[in-house]
PDB file of N, CA and C in Angstrom:
ATOM      1  N   MET A   1      17.744   5.317  -2.989  1.00  0.00           N
ATOM      2  CA  MET A   1      17.077   6.517  -3.455  1.00  0.00           C
ATOM      3  C   MET A   1      16.557   7.271  -2.241  1.00  0.00           C
ATOM      4  N   ALA A   2      17.070   8.420  -2.005  1.00  0.00           N
ATOM      5  CA  ALA A   2      16.662   9.211  -0.847  1.00  0.00           C
ATOM      6  C   ALA A   2      15.435  10.054  -1.192  1.00  0.00           C
ATOM      7  N   LEU A   3      14.402   9.921  -0.381  1.00  0.00           N
ATOM      8  CA  LEU A   3      13.203  10.728  -0.552  1.00  0.00           C
ATOM      9  C   LEU A   3      13.319  11.996   0.287  1.00  0.00           C
ATOM     10  N   SER A   4      12.840  13.084  -0.261  1.00  0.00           N
ATOM     11  CA  SER A   4      12.859  14.351   0.475  1.00  0.00           C
ATOM     12  C   SER A   4      11.607  14.472   1.349  1.00  0.00           C
ATOM     13  N   ARG A   5      11.641  15.437   2.236  1.00  0.00           N
ATOM     14  CA  ARG A   5      10.465  15.710   3.078  1.00  0.00           C
ATOM     15  C   ARG A   5       9.261  16.064   2.211  1.00  0.00           C
ATOM     16  N   ASP A   6       9.501  16.846   1.152  1.00  0.00           N
ATOM     17  CA  ASP A   6       8.408  17.248   0.267  1.00  0.00           C
ATOM     18  C   ASP A   6       7.795  16.046  -0.439  1.00  0.00           C
ATOM     19  N   GLU A   7       8.637  15.102  -0.861  1.00  0.00           N
ATOM     20  CA  GLU A   7       8.122  13.906  -1.531  1.00  0.00           C
ATOM     21  C   GLU A   7       7.281  13.061  -0.576  1.00  0.00           C
ATOM     22  N   VAL A   8       7.745  12.918   0.646  1.00  0.00           N
ATOM     23  CA  VAL A   8       6.982  12.153   1.639  1.00  0.00           C
ATOM     24  C   VAL A   8       5.658  12.858   1.939  1.00  0.00           C
ATOM     25  N   ALA A   9       5.695  14.170   2.055  1.00  0.00           N
ATOM     26  CA  ALA A   9       4.467  14.929   2.307  1.00  0.00           C
ATOM     27  C   ALA A   9       3.490  14.765   1.150  1.00  0.00           C
ATOM     28  N   ARG A  10       3.992  14.765  -0.073  1.00  0.00           N
ATOM     29  CA  ARG A  10       3.119  14.596  -1.246  1.00  0.00           C
ATOM     30  C   ARG A  10       2.532  13.190  -1.288  1.00  0.00           C
ATOM     31  N   ILE A  11       3.344  12.180  -0.993  1.00  0.00           N
ATOM     32  CA  ILE A  11       2.849  10.800  -0.946  1.00  0.00           C
ATOM     33  C   ILE A  11       1.758  10.685   0.117  1.00  0.00           C
ATOM     34  N   ALA A  12       1.991  11.281   1.274  1.00  0.00           N
ATOM     35  CA  ALA A  12       0.997  11.247   2.350  1.00  0.00           C
ATOM     36  C   ALA A  12      -0.295  11.935   1.914  1.00  0.00           C
ATOM     37  N   GLU A  13      -0.157  13.042   1.216  1.00  0.00           N
ATOM     38  CA  GLU A  13      -1.342  13.757   0.731  1.00  0.00           C
ATOM     39  C   GLU A  13      -2.126  12.892  -0.250  1.00  0.00           C
ATOM     40  N   LEU A  14      -1.427  12.262  -1.191  1.00  0.00           N
ATOM     41  CA  LEU A  14      -2.096  11.411  -2.174  1.00  0.00           C
ATOM     42  C   LEU A  14      -2.776  10.211  -1.524  1.00  0.00           C
ATOM     43  N   ALA A  15      -2.157   9.693  -0.470  1.00  0.00           N
ATOM     44  CA  ALA A  15      -2.714   8.541   0.244  1.00  0.00           C
ATOM     45  C   ALA A  15      -3.695   8.967   1.334  1.00  0.00           C
ATOM     46  N   ARG A  16      -3.875  10.280   1.471  1.00  0.00           N
ATOM     47  CA  ARG A  16      -4.762  10.839   2.490  1.00  0.00           C
ATOM     48  C   ARG A  16      -4.371  10.376   3.889  1.00  0.00           C
ATOM     49  N   LEU A  17      -3.074  10.460   4.158  1.00  0.00           N
ATOM     50  CA  LEU A  17      -2.539  10.115   5.469  1.00  0.00           C
ATOM     51  C   LEU A  17      -2.117  11.386   6.188  1.00  0.00           C
ATOM     52  N   ALA A  18      -2.449  11.482   7.442  1.00  0.00           N
ATOM     53  CA  ALA A  18      -2.012  12.610   8.265  1.00  0.00           C
ATOM     54  C   ALA A  18      -0.751  12.181   9.003  1.00  0.00           C
ATOM     55  N   ILE A  19       0.384  12.725   8.590  1.00  0.00           N
ATOM     56  CA  ILE A  19       1.659  12.367   9.210  1.00  0.00           C
ATOM     57  C   ILE A  19       2.161  13.575   9.995  1.00  0.00           C
ATOM     58  N   PRO A  20       2.408  13.397  11.288  1.00  0.00           N
ATOM     59  CA  PRO A  20       2.928  14.513  12.084  1.00  0.00           C
ATOM     60  C   PRO A  20       4.284  14.976  11.551  1.00  0.00           C
ATOM     61  N   GLU A  21       4.518  16.275  11.627  1.00  0.00           N
ATOM     62  CA  GLU A  21       5.768  16.858  11.125  1.00  0.00           C
ATOM     63  C   GLU A  21       7.002  16.194  11.723  1.00  0.00           C
ATOM     64  N   ASP A  22       6.940  15.837  12.999  1.00  0.00           N
ATOM     65  CA  ASP A  22       8.116  15.260  13.647  1.00  0.00           C
ATOM     66  C   ASP A  22       8.397  13.821  13.222  1.00  0.00           C
ATOM     67  N   ARG A  23       7.514  13.215  12.423  1.00  0.00           N
ATOM     68  CA  ARG A  23       7.710  11.836  11.957  1.00  0.00           C
ATOM     69  C   ARG A  23       8.144  11.770  10.491  1.00  0.00           C
ATOM     70  N   ILE A  24       8.086  12.887   9.780  1.00  0.00           N
ATOM     71  CA  ILE A  24       8.355  12.877   8.340  1.00  0.00           C
ATOM     72  C   ILE A  24       9.787  12.453   8.033  1.00  0.00           C
ATOM     73  N   ASP A  25      10.769  12.976   8.752  1.00  0.00           N
ATOM     74  CA  ASP A  25      12.163  12.605   8.478  1.00  0.00           C
ATOM     75  C   ASP A  25      12.392  11.111   8.685  1.00  0.00           C
ATOM     76  N   HIS A  26      11.852  10.570   9.763  1.00  0.00           N
ATOM     77  CA  HIS A  26      12.006   9.136  10.038  1.00  0.00           C
ATOM     78  C   HIS A  26      11.318   8.308   8.952  1.00  0.00           C
ATOM     79  N   LEU A  27      10.130   8.725   8.556  1.00  0.00           N
ATOM     80  CA  LEU A  27       9.400   8.017   7.511  1.00  0.00           C
ATOM     81  C   LEU A  27      10.128   8.110   6.174  1.00  0.00           C
ATOM     82  N   ALA A  28      10.707   9.261   5.875  1.00  0.00           N
ATOM     83  CA  ALA A  28      11.475   9.423   4.636  1.00  0.00           C
ATOM     84  C   ALA A  28      12.648   8.450   4.610  1.00  0.00           C
ATOM     85  N   GLU A  29      13.310   8.291   5.743  1.00  0.00           N
ATOM     86  CA  GLU A  29      14.431   7.351   5.826  1.00  0.00           C
ATOM     87  C   GLU A  29      13.959   5.911   5.614  1.00  0.00           C
ATOM     88  N   GLN A  30      12.850   5.546   6.249  1.00  0.00           N
ATOM     89  CA  GLN A  30      12.331   4.189   6.105  1.00  0.00           C
ATOM     90  C   GLN A  30      11.886   3.908   4.672  1.00  0.00           C
ATOM     91  N   LEU A  31      11.160   4.842   4.071  1.00  0.00           N
ATOM     92  CA  LEU A  31      10.712   4.648   2.691  1.00  0.00           C
ATOM     93  C   LEU A  31      11.893   4.580   1.728  1.00  0.00           C
ATOM     94  N   SER A  32      12.920   5.361   1.981  1.00  0.00           N
ATOM     95  CA  SER A  32      14.127   5.316   1.151  1.00  0.00           C
ATOM     96  C   SER A  32      14.780   3.941   1.235  1.00  0.00           C
ATOM     97  N   GLN A  33      14.811   3.360   2.435  1.00  0.00           N
ATOM     98  CA  GLN A  33      15.373   2.017   2.597  1.00  0.00           C
ATOM     99  C   GLN A  33      14.553   0.980   1.834  1.00  0.00           C
ATOM    100  N   VAL A  34      13.234   1.117   1.847  1.00  0.00           N
ATOM    101  CA  VAL A  34      12.371   0.198   1.101  1.00  0.00           C
ATOM    102  C   VAL A  34      12.656   0.314  -0.393  1.00  0.00           C
ATOM    103  N   LEU A  35      12.776   1.538  -0.895  1.00  0.00           N
ATOM    104  CA  LEU A  35      13.061   1.736  -2.319  1.00  0.00           C
ATOM    105  C   LEU A  35      14.441   1.201  -2.691  1.00  0.00           C
ATOM    106  N   ASP A  36      15.420   1.388  -1.814  1.00  0.00           N
ATOM    107  CA  ASP A  36      16.758   0.839  -2.067  1.00  0.00           C
ATOM    108  C   ASP A  36      16.711  -0.684  -2.120  1.00  0.00           C
ATOM    109  N   PHE A  37      15.944  -1.294  -1.224  1.00  0.00           N
ATOM    110  CA  PHE A  37      15.811  -2.750  -1.220  1.00  0.00           C
ATOM    111  C   PHE A  37      15.143  -3.227  -2.506  1.00  0.00           C
ATOM    112  N   ALA A  38      14.104  -2.519  -2.952  1.00  0.00           N
ATOM    113  CA  ALA A  38      13.430  -2.877  -4.202  1.00  0.00           C
ATOM    114  C   ALA A  38      14.395  -2.764  -5.381  1.00  0.00           C
ATOM    115  N   ALA A  39      15.243  -1.752  -5.379  1.00  0.00           N
ATOM    116  CA  ALA A  39      16.233  -1.595  -6.447  1.00  0.00           C
ATOM    117  C   ALA A  39      17.222  -2.754  -6.432  1.00  0.00           C
ATOM    118  N   THR A  40      17.602  -3.210  -5.241  1.00  0.00           N
ATOM    119  CA  THR A  40      18.505  -4.358  -5.124  1.00  0.00           C
ATOM    120  C   THR A  40      17.850  -5.607  -5.686  1.00  0.00           C
ATOM    121  N   ILE A  41      16.589  -5.813  -5.373  1.00  0.00           N
ATOM    122  CA  ILE A  41      15.865  -6.989  -5.871  1.00  0.00           C
ATOM    123  C   ILE A  41      15.759  -6.952  -7.387  1.00  0.00           C
ATOM    124  N   GLN A  42      15.554  -5.772  -7.955  1.00  0.00           N
ATOM    125  CA  GLN A  42      15.438  -5.653  -9.408  1.00  0.00           C
ATOM    126  C   GLN A  42      16.713  -6.088 -10.115  1.00  0.00           C
ATOM    127  N   GLN A  43      17.845  -6.009  -9.441  1.00  0.00           N
ATOM    128  CA  GLN A  43      19.118  -6.375 -10.055  1.00  0.00           C
ATOM    129  C   GLN A  43      19.370  -7.880 -10.032  1.00  0.00           C
ATOM    130  N   LEU A  44      18.566  -8.646  -9.307  1.00  0.00           N
ATOM    131  CA  LEU A  44      18.780 -10.087  -9.212  1.00  0.00           C
ATOM    132  C   LEU A  44      18.487 -10.773 -10.534  1.00  0.00           C
ATOM    133  N   ASP A  45      19.276 -11.790 -10.845  1.00  0.00           N
ATOM    134  CA  ASP A  45      19.038 -12.595 -12.038  1.00  0.00           C
ATOM    135  C   ASP A  45      18.074 -13.712 -11.664  1.00  0.00           C
ATOM    136  N   LEU A  46      16.843 -13.579 -12.086  1.00  0.00           N
ATOM    137  CA  LEU A  46      15.818 -14.562 -11.773  1.00  0.00           C
ATOM    138  C   LEU A  46      15.419 -15.370 -12.997  1.00  0.00           C
ATOM    139  N   SER A  47      16.276 -15.365 -13.998  1.00  0.00           N
ATOM    140  CA  SER A  47      15.936 -16.054 -15.243  1.00  0.00           C
ATOM    141  C   SER A  47      15.741 -17.553 -15.048  1.00  0.00           C
ATOM    142  N   GLY A  48      16.353 -18.149 -14.032  1.00  0.00           N
ATOM    143  CA  GLY A  48      16.200 -19.580 -13.798  1.00  0.00           C
ATOM    144  C   GLY A  48      15.047 -19.944 -12.887  1.00  0.00           C
ATOM    145  N   CYS A  49      14.301 -18.962 -12.409  1.00  0.00           N
ATOM    146  CA  CYS A  49      13.189 -19.224 -11.488  1.00  0.00           C
ATOM    147  C   CYS A  49      11.871 -19.243 -12.246  1.00  0.00           C
ATOM    148  N   GLU A  50      11.088 -20.258 -11.964  1.00  0.00           N
ATOM    149  CA  GLU A  50       9.747 -20.310 -12.538  1.00  0.00           C
ATOM    150  C   GLU A  50       8.880 -19.261 -11.828  1.00  0.00           C
ATOM    151  N   PRO A  51       7.951 -18.646 -12.529  1.00  0.00           N
ATOM    152  CA  PRO A  51       7.145 -17.590 -11.915  1.00  0.00           C
ATOM    153  C   PRO A  51       6.356 -18.032 -10.683  1.00  0.00           C
ATOM    154  N   THR A  52       5.927 -19.283 -10.626  1.00  0.00           N
ATOM    155  CA  THR A  52       5.092 -19.718  -9.507  1.00  0.00           C
ATOM    156  C   THR A  52       5.809 -20.682  -8.576  1.00  0.00           C
ATOM    157  N   VAL A  53       7.136 -20.694  -8.592  1.00  0.00           N
ATOM    158  CA  VAL A  53       7.872 -21.666  -7.803  1.00  0.00           C
ATOM    159  C   VAL A  53       7.630 -21.494  -6.303  1.00  0.00           C
ATOM    160  N   PHE A  54       7.355 -20.283  -5.833  1.00  0.00           N
ATOM    161  CA  PHE A  54       7.168 -20.056  -4.405  1.00  0.00           C
ATOM    162  C   PHE A  54       5.706 -19.925  -3.999  1.00  0.00           C
ATOM    163  N   ALA A  55       4.808 -19.795  -4.934  1.00  0.00           N
ATOM    164  CA  ALA A  55       3.386 -19.664  -4.609  1.00  0.00           C
ATOM    165  C   ALA A  55       2.566 -20.436  -5.622  1.00  0.00           C
ATOM    166  N   PRO A  56       2.416 -21.737  -5.423  1.00  0.00           N
ATOM    167  CA  PRO A  56       1.632 -22.515  -6.376  1.00  0.00           C
ATOM    168  C   PRO A  56       0.202 -21.991  -6.465  1.00  0.00           C
ATOM    169  N   GLY A  57      -0.352 -22.041  -7.660  1.00  0.00           N
ATOM    170  CA  GLY A  57      -1.693 -21.516  -7.888  1.00  0.00           C
ATOM    171  C   GLY A  57      -2.764 -22.195  -7.072  1.00  0.00           C
ATOM    172  N   ASP A  58      -2.555 -23.458  -6.700  1.00  0.00           N
ATOM    173  CA  ASP A  58      -3.579 -24.173  -5.941  1.00  0.00           C
ATOM    174  C   ASP A  58      -3.349 -24.107  -4.432  1.00  0.00           C
ATOM    175  N   ALA A  59      -2.379 -23.316  -3.997  1.00  0.00           N
ATOM    176  CA  ALA A  59      -2.085 -23.215  -2.566  1.00  0.00           C
ATOM    177  C   ALA A  59      -3.203 -22.463  -1.851  1.00  0.00           C
ATOM    178  N   GLU A  60      -3.570 -22.957  -0.688  1.00  0.00           N
ATOM    179  CA  GLU A  60      -4.555 -22.262   0.126  1.00  0.00           C
ATOM    180  C   GLU A  60      -3.802 -21.295   1.027  1.00  0.00           C
ATOM    181  N   LEU A  61      -4.105 -20.039   0.898  1.00  0.00           N
ATOM    182  CA  LEU A  61      -3.347 -19.009   1.584  1.00  0.00           C
ATOM    183  C   LEU A  61      -3.981 -18.605   2.904  1.00  0.00           C
ATOM    184  N   ARG A  62      -3.164 -18.413   3.904  1.00  0.00           N
ATOM    185  CA  ARG A  62      -3.496 -17.804   5.182  1.00  0.00           C
ATOM    186  C   ARG A  62      -4.615 -18.495   5.955  1.00  0.00           C
ATOM    187  N   LYS A  63      -4.705 -19.827   5.876  1.00  0.00           N
ATOM    188  CA  LYS A  63      -5.706 -20.520   6.687  1.00  0.00           C
ATOM    189  C   LYS A  63      -5.372 -20.440   8.163  1.00  0.00           C
ATOM    190  N   ASP A  64      -4.099 -20.246   8.496  1.00  0.00           N
ATOM    191  CA  ASP A  64      -3.688 -20.203   9.892  1.00  0.00           C
ATOM    192  C   ASP A  64      -3.907 -18.834  10.539  1.00  0.00           C
ATOM    193  N   GLU A  65      -4.343 -17.857   9.762  1.00  0.00           N
ATOM    194  CA  GLU A  65      -4.523 -16.514  10.302  1.00  0.00           C
ATOM    195  C   GLU A  65      -5.746 -16.483  11.215  1.00  0.00           C
ATOM    196  N   PRO A  66      -5.583 -16.038  12.443  1.00  0.00           N
ATOM    197  CA  PRO A  66      -6.738 -15.978  13.344  1.00  0.00           C
ATOM    198  C   PRO A  66      -7.753 -14.950  12.867  1.00  0.00           C
ATOM    199  N   ASP A  67      -9.023 -15.263  13.055  1.00  0.00           N
ATOM    200  CA  ASP A  67     -10.082 -14.365  12.600  1.00  0.00           C
ATOM    201  C   ASP A  67     -10.008 -12.991  13.256  1.00  0.00           C
ATOM    202  N   GLY A  68      -9.448 -12.912  14.450  1.00  0.00           N
ATOM    203  CA  GLY A  68      -9.360 -11.648  15.155  1.00  0.00           C
ATOM    204  C   GLY A  68      -8.498 -10.613  14.461  1.00  0.00           C
ATOM    205  N   ARG A  69      -7.668 -11.026  13.511  1.00  0.00           N
ATOM    206  CA  ARG A  69      -6.791 -10.075  12.824  1.00  0.00           C
ATOM    207  C   ARG A  69      -7.475  -9.445  11.628  1.00  0.00           C
ATOM    208  N   ARG A  70      -8.633  -9.917  11.253  1.00  0.00           N
ATOM    209  CA  ARG A  70      -9.332  -9.364  10.095  1.00  0.00           C
ATOM    210  C   ARG A  70     -10.228  -8.213  10.542  1.00  0.00           C
ATOM    211  N   LEU A  71     -10.305  -7.201   9.710  1.00  0.00           N
ATOM    212  CA  LEU A  71     -11.178  -6.070  10.006  1.00  0.00           C
ATOM    213  C   LEU A  71     -12.602  -6.391   9.587  1.00  0.00           C
ATOM    214  N   THR A  72     -13.537  -5.960  10.379  1.00  0.00           N
ATOM    215  CA  THR A  72     -14.929  -6.040   9.958  1.00  0.00           C
ATOM    216  C   THR A  72     -15.160  -4.906   8.958  1.00  0.00           C
ATOM    217  N   PRO A  73     -16.216  -4.991   8.153  1.00  0.00           N
ATOM    218  CA  PRO A  73     -16.492  -3.876   7.238  1.00  0.00           C
ATOM    219  C   PRO A  73     -16.629  -2.540   7.969  1.00  0.00           C
ATOM    220  N   ASP A  74     -17.262  -2.557   9.144  1.00  0.00           N
ATOM    221  CA  ASP A  74     -17.416  -1.308   9.905  1.00  0.00           C
ATOM    222  C   ASP A  74     -16.072  -0.754  10.358  1.00  0.00           C
ATOM    223  N   GLN A  75     -15.155  -1.637  10.775  1.00  0.00           N
ATOM    224  CA  GLN A  75     -13.827  -1.188  11.194  1.00  0.00           C
ATOM    225  C   GLN A  75     -13.063  -0.589  10.015  1.00  0.00           C
ATOM    226  N   ALA A  76     -13.144  -1.236   8.857  1.00  0.00           N
ATOM    227  CA  ALA A  76     -12.447  -0.731   7.675  1.00  0.00           C
ATOM    228  C   ALA A  76     -13.014   0.624   7.261  1.00  0.00           C
ATOM    229  N   LEU A  77     -14.338   0.736   7.249  1.00  0.00           N
ATOM    230  CA  LEU A  77     -14.959   1.998   6.849  1.00  0.00           C
ATOM    231  C   LEU A  77     -14.708   3.112   7.858  1.00  0.00           C
ATOM    232  N   ALA A  78     -14.519   2.763   9.120  1.00  0.00           N
ATOM    233  CA  ALA A  78     -14.249   3.780  10.137  1.00  0.00           C
ATOM    234  C   ALA A  78     -12.922   4.486   9.880  1.00  0.00           C
ATOM    235  N   ALA A  79     -11.987   3.812   9.229  1.00  0.00           N
ATOM    236  CA  ALA A  79     -10.680   4.401   8.941  1.00  0.00           C
ATOM    237  C   ALA A  79     -10.667   5.167   7.620  1.00  0.00           C
ATOM    238  N   ALA A  80     -11.745   5.084   6.858  1.00  0.00           N
ATOM    239  CA  ALA A  80     -11.801   5.726   5.543  1.00  0.00           C
ATOM    240  C   ALA A  80     -12.183   7.196   5.676  1.00  0.00           C
ATOM    241  N   PRO A  81     -11.677   8.046   4.762  1.00  0.00           N
ATOM    242  CA  PRO A  81     -12.067   9.455   4.787  1.00  0.00           C
ATOM    243  C   PRO A  81     -13.567   9.643   4.565  1.00  0.00           C
ATOM    244  N   ALA A  82     -14.171   8.761   3.730  1.00  0.00           N
ATOM    245  CA  ALA A  82     -15.601   8.873   3.448  1.00  0.00           C
ATOM    246  C   ALA A  82     -16.151   7.500   3.090  1.00  0.00           C
ATOM    247  N   GLY A  83     -17.376   7.248   3.507  1.00  0.00           N
ATOM    248  CA  GLY A  83     -18.015   5.981   3.193  1.00  0.00           C
ATOM    249  C   GLY A  83     -19.517   6.141   3.215  1.00  0.00           C
ATOM    250  N   GLU A  84     -20.190   5.217   2.539  1.00  0.00           N
ATOM    251  CA  GLU A  84     -21.648   5.230   2.516  1.00  0.00           C
ATOM    252  C   GLU A  84     -22.123   3.796   2.493  1.00  0.00           C
ATOM    253  N   ASP A  85     -23.018   3.452   3.417  1.00  0.00           N
ATOM    254  CA  ASP A  85     -23.473   2.076   3.592  1.00  0.00           C
ATOM    255  C   ASP A  85     -22.243   1.201   3.808  1.00  0.00           C
ATOM    256  N   ALA A  86     -22.021   0.224   2.944  1.00  0.00           N
ATOM    257  CA  ALA A  86     -20.867  -0.669   3.106  1.00  0.00           C
ATOM    258  C   ALA A  86     -19.795  -0.382   2.059  1.00  0.00           C
ATOM    259  N   PHE A  87     -19.751   0.849   1.550  1.00  0.00           N
ATOM    260  CA  PHE A  87     -18.837   1.167   0.460  1.00  0.00           C
ATOM    261  C   PHE A  87     -17.931   2.342   0.820  1.00  0.00           C
ATOM    262  N   PHE A  88     -16.708   2.306   0.287  1.00  0.00           N
ATOM    263  CA  PHE A  88     -15.799   3.439   0.394  1.00  0.00           C
ATOM    264  C   PHE A  88     -16.190   4.455  -0.668  1.00  0.00           C
ATOM    265  N   LEU A  89     -16.205   5.723  -0.295  1.00  0.00           N
ATOM    266  CA  LEU A  89     -16.440   6.778  -1.278  1.00  0.00           C
ATOM    267  C   LEU A  89     -15.094   7.349  -1.700  1.00  0.00           C
ATOM    268  N   VAL A  90     -14.883   7.421  -3.004  1.00  0.00           N
ATOM    269  CA  VAL A  90     -13.633   7.957  -3.538  1.00  0.00           C
ATOM    270  C   VAL A  90     -13.966   9.060  -4.535  1.00  0.00           C
ATOM    271  N   PRO A  91     -13.056  10.008  -4.723  1.00  0.00           N
ATOM    272  CA  PRO A  91     -13.319  11.060  -5.698  1.00  0.00           C
ATOM    273  C   PRO A  91     -13.363  10.474  -7.108  1.00  0.00           C
ATOM    274  N   PRO A  92     -14.186  11.054  -7.969  1.00  0.00           N
ATOM    275  CA  PRO A  92     -14.231  10.562  -9.350  1.00  0.00           C
ATOM    276  C   PRO A  92     -12.897  10.798 -10.052  1.00  0.00           C
ATOM    277  N   ILE A  93     -12.537   9.859 -10.895  1.00  0.00           N
ATOM    278  CA  ILE A  93     -11.292   9.984 -11.650  1.00  0.00           C
ATOM    279  C   ILE A  93     -11.573  10.632 -12.998  1.00  0.00           C
ATOM    280  N   VAL A  94     -12.646  10.206 -13.624  1.00  0.00           N
ATOM    281  CA  VAL A  94     -13.034  10.742 -14.926  1.00  0.00           C
ATOM    282  C   VAL A  94     -14.456  11.275 -14.781  1.00  0.00           C
ATOM    283  N   GLU A  95     -14.668  12.489 -15.211  1.00  0.00           N
ATOM    284  CA  GLU A  95     -15.992  13.087 -15.093  1.00  0.00           C
ATOM    285  C   GLU A  95     -16.575  13.359 -16.470  1.00  0.00           C
ATOM    286  N   ASN A  96     -17.896  13.360 -16.544  1.00  0.00           N
ATOM    287  CA  ASN A  96     -18.632  13.704 -17.762  1.00  0.00           C
ATOM    288  C   ASN A  96     -18.174  12.908 -18.973  1.00  0.00           C
ATOM    289  N   VAL A  97     -18.153  11.607 -18.836  1.00  0.00           N
ATOM    290  CA  VAL A  97     -17.759  10.753 -19.949  1.00  0.00           C
ATOM    291  C   VAL A  97     -19.014  10.170 -20.573  1.00  0.00           C
ATOM    292  N   ASN A  98     -19.181  10.381 -21.862  1.00  0.00           N
ATOM    293  CA  ASN A  98     -20.309   9.801 -22.589  1.00  0.00           C
ATOM    294  C   ASN A  98     -19.807   8.652 -23.438  1.00  0.00           C
ATOM    295  N   PRO A  99     -20.469   7.489 -23.349  1.00  0.00           N
ATOM    296  CA  PRO A  99     -19.994   6.340 -24.153  1.00  0.00           C
ATOM    297  C   PRO A  99     -20.174   6.540 -25.634  1.00  0.00           C
TER     298      PRO A  99
END
């Protein structure tokens, strides 16, 4: 599935990402490849696979990950468009709703 420049620009806008004009074509190509790969995976017959065969529920995940790769709350908030105290500020989705 080939994405157009306009579609990539709209995705970037929705994700609040600033993408330089000279990178949009390359990004469109990469995102198109990801979508094509996802379409290929959707065609696989997985009827014989148990849902948790590759990730048991009791598995401890990412214990080997060094602590240096994790963002501190301040680092995460520094990359956000808006934040207050230790929270991300996001635009309201639903306004003036009375229960």
